[in-house]
Amino acid sequence: MTALVLFIIIKAYNKAQKGLGKVKKGFLVLLKPEVRAMRKEGKSWAEIREIDQKLAAEKKAEEEKAAAEAKALAEANSAEGLLKEIRDLLKEKKA
């Protein structure tokens, strides 16, 4: 009897985990209310997925740009960056 109950509990847990995995594979950027609004406007699922992929690509490009700017700023403020800047200023002063 106990084995049967334990089996049913484990089976239900595994099914729940599979179901949660499907939710995570949804849209990349769009939220449910946005998707619902687009569906009410009459857009197809393929169009919504295409819009979602475009938004995800734009977001990724923005994040990469911000990371590059942060890296450049960190490099400029690092000891090496400051030494290079001083060296360049001294070369300009000599010339």
Foldseek 3Di string as FASTA:
>chain_A
DVVVVVVVVVVVVVVVVVVVVVVVPDFDPDDPVVVVVVVVVPDDPVVVNVVSVVVVVVVVVVVVVVVVVVVVVCCCPDPVNVVVVVVVVVVVVVD
